[in-house]
Amino acid sequence: MRQVLVYPDVEDGGWVCEVPSLPGCVAHGPTKNAALDDVRAAIEAWIEGAKHLGREIPSDSLNVEICTV
């Protein structure tokens, strides 16, 4: 399980999903559900790529704090 940030893409439309614990792991979709489906695949690909390269897979924290600044 990974923490995923989900937000609307105001420039291109659709939705964006980012995985903070996996640098560069981002997905985009025309709907929120499509973006979430795509980010699941992106997470799997990121982890498999890291394993293949012998890199450490970062742990994930489910502690969330939302701030408005």
C-alpha atoms as a PDB file:
ATOM      1  CA  MET A   1       0.000   0.000   0.000  1.00  0.00           C
ATOM      2  CA  ARG A   2       1.316   3.456  -0.922  1.00  0.00           C
ATOM      3  CA  GLN A   3       0.176   6.947  -0.118  1.00  0.00           C
ATOM      4  CA  VAL A   4      -1.010   8.619  -3.335  1.00  0.00           C
ATOM      5  CA  LEU A   5      -1.751  12.298  -3.908  1.00  0.00           C
ATOM      6  CA  VAL A   6      -4.671  12.762  -6.295  1.00  0.00           C
ATOM      7  CA  TYR A   7      -5.555  16.136  -7.779  1.00  0.00           C
ATOM      8  CA  PRO A   8      -7.122  17.621 -10.904  1.00  0.00           C
ATOM      9  CA  ASP A   9      -4.800  18.652 -13.723  1.00  0.00           C
ATOM     10  CA  VAL A  10      -5.876  22.262 -14.250  1.00  0.00           C
ATOM     11  CA  GLU A  11      -3.617  22.754 -17.303  1.00  0.00           C
ATOM     12  CA  ASP A  12      -4.346  19.636 -19.368  1.00  0.00           C
ATOM     13  CA  GLY A  13      -7.570  18.362 -17.803  1.00  0.00           C
ATOM     14  CA  GLY A  14      -8.041  14.978 -16.209  1.00  0.00           C
ATOM     15  CA  TRP A  15      -6.416  13.851 -12.992  1.00  0.00           C
ATOM     16  CA  VAL A  16      -2.883  13.384 -11.678  1.00  0.00           C
ATOM     17  CA  CYS A  17      -1.692  10.817  -9.128  1.00  0.00           C
ATOM     18  CA  GLU A  18       1.706  11.152  -7.458  1.00  0.00           C
ATOM     19  CA  VAL A  19       3.413   8.691  -5.120  1.00  0.00           C
ATOM     20  CA  PRO A  20       5.550  10.752  -2.714  1.00  0.00           C
ATOM     21  CA  SER A  21       7.578   7.786  -1.449  1.00  0.00           C
ATOM     22  CA  LEU A  22       8.623   6.770  -4.991  1.00  0.00           C
ATOM     23  CA  PRO A  23      10.360   9.748  -6.656  1.00  0.00           C
ATOM     24  CA  GLY A  24       9.092  10.346 -10.171  1.00  0.00           C
ATOM     25  CA  CYS A  25       6.229   7.869  -9.870  1.00  0.00           C
ATOM     26  CA  VAL A  26       3.324   9.797 -11.431  1.00  0.00           C
ATOM     27  CA  ALA A  27       0.264   8.845 -13.470  1.00  0.00           C
ATOM     28  CA  HIS A  28      -2.329  10.832 -15.392  1.00  0.00           C
ATOM     29  CA  GLY A  29      -5.803   9.902 -16.557  1.00  0.00           C
ATOM     30  CA  PRO A  30      -8.948  11.451 -17.980  1.00  0.00           C
ATOM     31  CA  THR A  31     -10.911  10.459 -14.858  1.00  0.00           C
ATOM     32  CA  LYS A  32      -9.920   9.980 -11.246  1.00  0.00           C
ATOM     33  CA  ASN A  33     -10.517   6.228 -11.486  1.00  0.00           C
ATOM     34  CA  ALA A  34      -8.440   5.951 -14.671  1.00  0.00           C
ATOM     35  CA  ALA A  35      -5.571   7.854 -13.031  1.00  0.00           C
ATOM     36  CA  LEU A  36      -5.760   5.574  -9.979  1.00  0.00           C
ATOM     37  CA  ASP A  37      -5.678   2.475 -12.197  1.00  0.00           C
ATOM     38  CA  ASP A  38      -2.656   3.895 -14.017  1.00  0.00           C
ATOM     39  CA  VAL A  39      -0.826   4.775 -10.801  1.00  0.00           C
ATOM     40  CA  ARG A  40      -1.221   1.191  -9.564  1.00  0.00           C
ATOM     41  CA  ALA A  41       0.597   0.023 -12.695  1.00  0.00           C
ATOM     42  CA  ALA A  42       3.191   2.797 -12.286  1.00  0.00           C
ATOM     43  CA  ILE A  43       3.898   1.715  -8.699  1.00  0.00           C
ATOM     44  CA  GLU A  44       4.439  -1.886  -9.800  1.00  0.00           C
ATOM     45  CA  ALA A  45       6.725  -0.783 -12.645  1.00  0.00           C
ATOM     46  CA  TRP A  46       8.710   1.548 -10.345  1.00  0.00           C
ATOM     47  CA  ILE A  47       9.281  -1.199  -7.784  1.00  0.00           C
ATOM     48  CA  GLU A  48      10.200  -3.802 -10.420  1.00  0.00           C
ATOM     49  CA  GLY A  49      12.640  -1.352 -12.011  1.00  0.00           C
ATOM     50  CA  ALA A  50      14.258  -0.629  -8.655  1.00  0.00           C
ATOM     51  CA  LYS A  51      14.625  -4.352  -7.935  1.00  0.00           C
ATOM     52  CA  HIS A  52      16.132  -4.938 -11.377  1.00  0.00           C
ATOM     53  CA  LEU A  53      18.695  -2.182 -10.775  1.00  0.00           C
ATOM     54  CA  GLY A  54      19.444  -3.404  -7.251  1.00  0.00           C
ATOM     55  CA  ARG A  55      18.165  -0.198  -5.685  1.00  0.00           C
ATOM     56  CA  GLU A  56      16.501   0.098  -2.318  1.00  0.00           C
ATOM     57  CA  ILE A  57      12.726   0.402  -2.355  1.00  0.00           C
ATOM     58  CA  PRO A  58      11.711   3.250  -0.053  1.00  0.00           C
ATOM     59  CA  SER A  59       9.275   2.502   2.722  1.00  0.00           C
ATOM     60  CA  ASP A  60       6.000   4.385   2.787  1.00  0.00           C
ATOM     61  CA  SER A  61       4.439   6.348   5.591  1.00  0.00           C
ATOM     62  CA  LEU A  62       0.693   6.628   5.848  1.00  0.00           C
ATOM     63  CA  ASN A  63       0.970   9.698   8.073  1.00  0.00           C
ATOM     64  CA  VAL A  64      -0.701  12.519   6.200  1.00  0.00           C
ATOM     65  CA  GLU A  65      -0.956  16.184   7.001  1.00  0.00           C
ATOM     66  CA  ILE A  66      -2.757  18.599   4.731  1.00  0.00           C
ATOM     67  CA  CYS A  67      -1.806  22.255   5.047  1.00  0.00           C
ATOM     68  CA  THR A  68      -2.992  25.313   3.226  1.00  0.00           C
ATOM     69  CA  VAL A  69      -0.377  28.035   2.886  1.00  0.00           C
END
